[in-house]
Amino acid sequence: MASNVRQNVVFASPKSLDERTTVAESCVRNLHIDIPALLDNFQNTTEVNYTGWPDRLYVIDRDGRVAFKSKPGPFGFDPSAMEEALKRVVHP
């Protein structure tokens, strides 16, 4: 994407877990992500099981259930609603 090129966030597809970790760490750092980020395996098991198209944001509770599912994104994302869901999961 042109916007990725302008923002210097273009990466070659990782060929190892170390390379994938480096890309993920760069994204977390450069996007100032303050919540824990998890790295999917090369089989993309999490993506396969939870992908919704268009993109959605999920909060999974301690029992592995979906506690929050956003509207289709990116325009359907509501950070304040997700924050409230996270608070309910972390401090029930």
N, C-alpha and C. Protein backbone atom coordinates (compact mmCIF):
# COMPACT_ATOMS: atom_id res chain seq x y z
N MET A 1 0.83 -1.18 0.00
CA MET A 1 0.00 0.00 0.00
C MET A 1 0.88 1.24 0.00
N ALA A 2 0.43 2.25 -0.69
CA ALA A 2 1.19 3.50 -0.77
C ALA A 2 1.39 4.13 0.61
N SER A 3 0.36 4.06 1.46
CA SER A 3 0.50 4.66 2.79
C SER A 3 1.57 3.94 3.62
N ASN A 4 1.70 2.63 3.44
CA ASN A 4 2.74 1.89 4.15
C ASN A 4 4.13 2.33 3.69
N VAL A 5 4.27 2.54 2.40
CA VAL A 5 5.55 2.99 1.86
C VAL A 5 5.90 4.36 2.43
N ARG A 6 4.92 5.28 2.42
CA ARG A 6 5.16 6.62 2.97
C ARG A 6 5.56 6.58 4.44
N GLN A 7 4.96 5.66 5.20
CA GLN A 7 5.23 5.57 6.63
C GLN A 7 6.37 4.61 6.96
N ASN A 8 7.00 4.07 5.92
CA ASN A 8 8.13 3.16 6.10
C ASN A 8 7.78 1.94 6.95
N VAL A 9 6.63 1.35 6.66
CA VAL A 9 6.22 0.13 7.35
C VAL A 9 5.99 -0.99 6.33
N VAL A 10 7.01 -1.23 5.54
CA VAL A 10 6.95 -2.29 4.52
C VAL A 10 7.94 -3.37 4.94
N PHE A 11 7.44 -4.59 5.07
CA PHE A 11 8.27 -5.71 5.49
C PHE A 11 8.13 -6.85 4.50
N ALA A 12 9.21 -7.56 4.26
CA ALA A 12 9.14 -8.80 3.49
C ALA A 12 8.43 -9.84 4.35
N SER A 13 7.77 -10.78 3.70
CA SER A 13 7.10 -11.85 4.45
C SER A 13 8.13 -12.61 5.26
N PRO A 14 7.90 -12.74 6.57
CA PRO A 14 8.86 -13.45 7.41
C PRO A 14 8.97 -14.92 7.03
N LYS A 15 10.19 -15.44 7.14
CA LYS A 15 10.45 -16.85 6.78
C LYS A 15 10.75 -17.70 8.02
N SER A 16 10.83 -17.05 9.18
CA SER A 16 11.10 -17.79 10.41
C SER A 16 10.33 -17.13 11.55
N LEU A 17 10.22 -17.84 12.66
CA LEU A 17 9.55 -17.27 13.83
C LEU A 17 10.30 -16.05 14.34
N ASP A 18 11.62 -16.07 14.28
CA ASP A 18 12.40 -14.89 14.70
C ASP A 18 12.07 -13.68 13.84
N GLU A 19 11.98 -13.87 12.52
CA GLU A 19 11.65 -12.76 11.62
C GLU A 19 10.23 -12.26 11.89
N ARG A 20 9.31 -13.19 12.11
CA ARG A 20 7.92 -12.80 12.40
C ARG A 20 7.86 -12.02 13.70
N THR A 21 8.62 -12.44 14.69
CA THR A 21 8.67 -11.74 15.98
C THR A 21 9.22 -10.34 15.80
N THR A 22 10.26 -10.19 15.00
CA THR A 22 10.86 -8.87 14.75
C THR A 22 9.84 -7.93 14.12
N VAL A 23 9.09 -8.40 13.14
CA VAL A 23 8.07 -7.57 12.49
C VAL A 23 6.99 -7.18 13.50
N ALA A 24 6.53 -8.14 14.28
CA ALA A 24 5.48 -7.85 15.27
C ALA A 24 5.97 -6.84 16.31
N GLU A 25 7.19 -7.02 16.79
CA GLU A 25 7.75 -6.09 17.78
C GLU A 25 7.85 -4.69 17.19
N SER A 26 8.24 -4.58 15.94
CA SER A 26 8.34 -3.29 15.27
C SER A 26 6.97 -2.62 15.20
N CYS A 27 5.95 -3.39 14.85
CA CYS A 27 4.60 -2.83 14.77
C CYS A 27 4.12 -2.36 16.14
N VAL A 28 4.31 -3.16 17.15
CA VAL A 28 3.90 -2.78 18.51
C VAL A 28 4.61 -1.50 18.93
N ARG A 29 5.89 -1.43 18.69
CA ARG A 29 6.69 -0.27 19.09
C ARG A 29 6.29 0.98 18.30
N ASN A 30 6.21 0.86 16.98
CA ASN A 30 5.94 2.03 16.14
C ASN A 30 4.50 2.50 16.20
N LEU A 31 3.57 1.61 16.52
CA LEU A 31 2.17 1.99 16.64
C LEU A 31 1.80 2.34 18.09
N HIS A 32 2.79 2.25 18.99
CA HIS A 32 2.58 2.59 20.41
C HIS A 32 1.44 1.77 21.01
N ILE A 33 1.45 0.48 20.74
CA ILE A 33 0.41 -0.41 21.27
C ILE A 33 0.76 -0.72 22.72
N ASP A 34 -0.19 -0.41 23.62
CA ASP A 34 0.06 -0.57 25.05
C ASP A 34 -0.57 -1.82 25.65
N ILE A 35 -1.31 -2.58 24.84
CA ILE A 35 -1.92 -3.80 25.35
C ILE A 35 -1.08 -4.99 24.89
N PRO A 36 -1.16 -6.10 25.59
CA PRO A 36 -0.38 -7.27 25.16
C PRO A 36 -0.73 -7.67 23.74
N ALA A 37 0.27 -8.02 22.97
CA ALA A 37 0.08 -8.49 21.61
C ALA A 37 0.59 -9.92 21.53
N LEU A 38 -0.15 -10.77 20.87
CA LEU A 38 0.23 -12.17 20.73
C LEU A 38 0.63 -12.45 19.30
N LEU A 39 1.52 -13.38 19.13
CA LEU A 39 2.03 -13.74 17.81
C LEU A 39 1.43 -15.07 17.39
N ASP A 40 0.77 -15.09 16.24
CA ASP A 40 0.18 -16.32 15.72
C ASP A 40 1.29 -17.22 15.16
N ASN A 41 1.02 -18.52 15.08
CA ASN A 41 2.01 -19.43 14.51
C ASN A 41 1.96 -19.37 12.98
N PHE A 42 2.86 -20.08 12.31
CA PHE A 42 2.91 -20.04 10.85
C PHE A 42 1.72 -20.73 10.20
N GLN A 43 0.98 -21.52 10.95
CA GLN A 43 -0.25 -22.11 10.41
C GLN A 43 -1.42 -21.12 10.56
N ASN A 44 -1.16 -19.99 11.23
CA ASN A 44 -2.16 -18.94 11.45
C ASN A 44 -3.43 -19.49 12.09
N THR A 45 -3.25 -20.34 13.09
CA THR A 45 -4.36 -21.00 13.76
C THR A 45 -5.36 -20.01 14.32
N THR A 46 -4.88 -18.96 14.98
CA THR A 46 -5.79 -17.97 15.56
C THR A 46 -6.55 -17.24 14.46
N GLU A 47 -5.84 -16.84 13.42
CA GLU A 47 -6.49 -16.14 12.31
C GLU A 47 -7.58 -17.00 11.69
N VAL A 48 -7.28 -18.27 11.47
CA VAL A 48 -8.25 -19.19 10.86
C VAL A 48 -9.49 -19.32 11.75
N ASN A 49 -9.29 -19.39 13.06
CA ASN A 49 -10.40 -19.60 13.98
C ASN A 49 -11.21 -18.35 14.30
N TYR A 50 -10.59 -17.17 14.21
CA TYR A 50 -11.27 -15.96 14.64
C TYR A 50 -11.45 -14.90 13.56
N THR A 51 -10.96 -15.14 12.37
CA THR A 51 -11.04 -14.11 11.34
C THR A 51 -12.49 -13.84 10.99
N GLY A 52 -12.79 -12.57 10.94
CA GLY A 52 -14.08 -12.11 10.43
C GLY A 52 -13.75 -11.12 9.33
N TRP A 53 -14.46 -11.18 8.25
CA TRP A 53 -14.18 -10.23 7.18
C TRP A 53 -15.42 -9.40 6.96
N PRO A 54 -15.33 -8.11 6.95
CA PRO A 54 -14.10 -7.35 7.11
C PRO A 54 -13.57 -7.46 8.54
N ASP A 55 -12.41 -6.87 8.76
CA ASP A 55 -11.74 -6.98 10.06
C ASP A 55 -12.67 -6.66 11.21
N ARG A 56 -12.44 -7.34 12.31
CA ARG A 56 -13.16 -7.09 13.56
C ARG A 56 -12.16 -7.17 14.71
N LEU A 57 -12.52 -6.55 15.81
CA LEU A 57 -11.72 -6.64 17.03
C LEU A 57 -12.49 -7.51 18.02
N TYR A 58 -11.77 -8.37 18.72
CA TYR A 58 -12.39 -9.26 19.69
C TYR A 58 -11.73 -9.10 21.04
N VAL A 59 -12.51 -9.33 22.10
CA VAL A 59 -11.99 -9.51 23.45
C VAL A 59 -12.43 -10.91 23.86
N ILE A 60 -11.47 -11.72 24.26
CA ILE A 60 -11.75 -13.09 24.69
C ILE A 60 -11.62 -13.13 26.20
N ASP A 61 -12.64 -13.66 26.90
CA ASP A 61 -12.59 -13.67 28.36
C ASP A 61 -11.72 -14.82 28.87
N ARG A 62 -11.62 -14.90 30.17
CA ARG A 62 -10.73 -15.90 30.81
C ARG A 62 -11.17 -17.33 30.55
N ASP A 63 -12.43 -17.52 30.17
CA ASP A 63 -12.94 -18.86 29.87
C ASP A 63 -12.85 -19.19 28.39
N GLY A 64 -12.23 -18.28 27.62
CA GLY A 64 -12.06 -18.52 26.19
C GLY A 64 -13.28 -18.15 25.35
N ARG A 65 -14.24 -17.46 25.95
CA ARG A 65 -15.44 -17.04 25.21
C ARG A 65 -15.27 -15.63 24.67
N VAL A 66 -15.96 -15.33 23.58
CA VAL A 66 -15.92 -13.99 23.01
C VAL A 66 -16.74 -13.07 23.91
N ALA A 67 -16.05 -12.09 24.53
CA ALA A 67 -16.70 -11.14 25.42
C ALA A 67 -17.06 -9.85 24.69
N PHE A 68 -16.43 -9.62 23.56
CA PHE A 68 -16.70 -8.42 22.76
C PHE A 68 -16.32 -8.71 21.33
N LYS A 69 -17.17 -8.27 20.41
CA LYS A 69 -16.90 -8.38 18.97
C LYS A 69 -17.29 -7.04 18.36
N SER A 70 -16.33 -6.39 17.73
CA SER A 70 -16.60 -5.08 17.15
C SER A 70 -17.46 -5.19 15.91
N LYS A 71 -17.96 -4.06 15.47
CA LYS A 71 -18.60 -3.98 14.17
C LYS A 71 -17.49 -4.07 13.13
N PRO A 72 -17.83 -4.31 11.87
CA PRO A 72 -16.79 -4.41 10.84
C PRO A 72 -15.92 -3.15 10.80
N GLY A 73 -14.63 -3.37 10.65
CA GLY A 73 -13.69 -2.26 10.67
C GLY A 73 -13.19 -1.92 9.29
N PRO A 74 -12.39 -0.93 9.27
CA PRO A 74 -11.91 -0.16 10.42
C PRO A 74 -12.89 0.89 10.90
N PHE A 75 -13.89 1.24 10.10
CA PHE A 75 -14.78 2.33 10.49
C PHE A 75 -15.77 1.92 11.58
N GLY A 76 -15.96 0.64 11.78
CA GLY A 76 -16.85 0.16 12.83
C GLY A 76 -16.17 -0.02 14.17
N PHE A 77 -14.87 0.23 14.23
CA PHE A 77 -14.15 0.06 15.48
C PHE A 77 -14.54 1.17 16.45
N ASP A 78 -14.82 0.81 17.68
CA ASP A 78 -15.18 1.77 18.72
C ASP A 78 -14.26 1.51 19.91
N PRO A 79 -13.13 2.22 19.98
CA PRO A 79 -12.16 1.97 21.04
C PRO A 79 -12.75 2.06 22.44
N SER A 80 -13.68 2.97 22.67
CA SER A 80 -14.24 3.10 24.02
C SER A 80 -15.08 1.88 24.39
N ALA A 81 -15.81 1.32 23.44
CA ALA A 81 -16.60 0.11 23.71
C ALA A 81 -15.67 -1.08 24.00
N MET A 82 -14.58 -1.16 23.25
CA MET A 82 -13.62 -2.24 23.50
C MET A 82 -12.95 -2.06 24.85
N GLU A 83 -12.63 -0.83 25.20
CA GLU A 83 -12.02 -0.55 26.51
C GLU A 83 -12.95 -1.00 27.63
N GLU A 84 -14.23 -0.70 27.50
CA GLU A 84 -15.20 -1.12 28.53
C GLU A 84 -15.26 -2.65 28.64
N ALA A 85 -15.24 -3.33 27.49
CA ALA A 85 -15.25 -4.80 27.51
C ALA A 85 -14.00 -5.34 28.17
N LEU A 86 -12.85 -4.74 27.89
CA LEU A 86 -11.60 -5.17 28.52
C LEU A 86 -11.66 -4.97 30.03
N LYS A 87 -12.22 -3.86 30.47
CA LYS A 87 -12.35 -3.59 31.91
C LYS A 87 -13.23 -4.66 32.55
N ARG A 88 -14.34 -5.03 31.88
CA ARG A 88 -15.23 -6.06 32.44
C ARG A 88 -14.53 -7.42 32.54
N VAL A 89 -13.66 -7.73 31.59
CA VAL A 89 -12.94 -9.00 31.61
C VAL A 89 -11.84 -9.00 32.66
N VAL A 90 -11.12 -7.90 32.76
CA VAL A 90 -9.98 -7.82 33.70
C VAL A 90 -10.47 -7.63 35.13
N HIS A 91 -11.52 -6.83 35.31
CA HIS A 91 -12.05 -6.56 36.66
C HIS A 91 -13.54 -6.89 36.69
N PRO A 92 -13.84 -8.20 36.71
CA PRO A 92 -15.28 -8.61 36.67
C PRO A 92 -16.05 -8.19 37.90
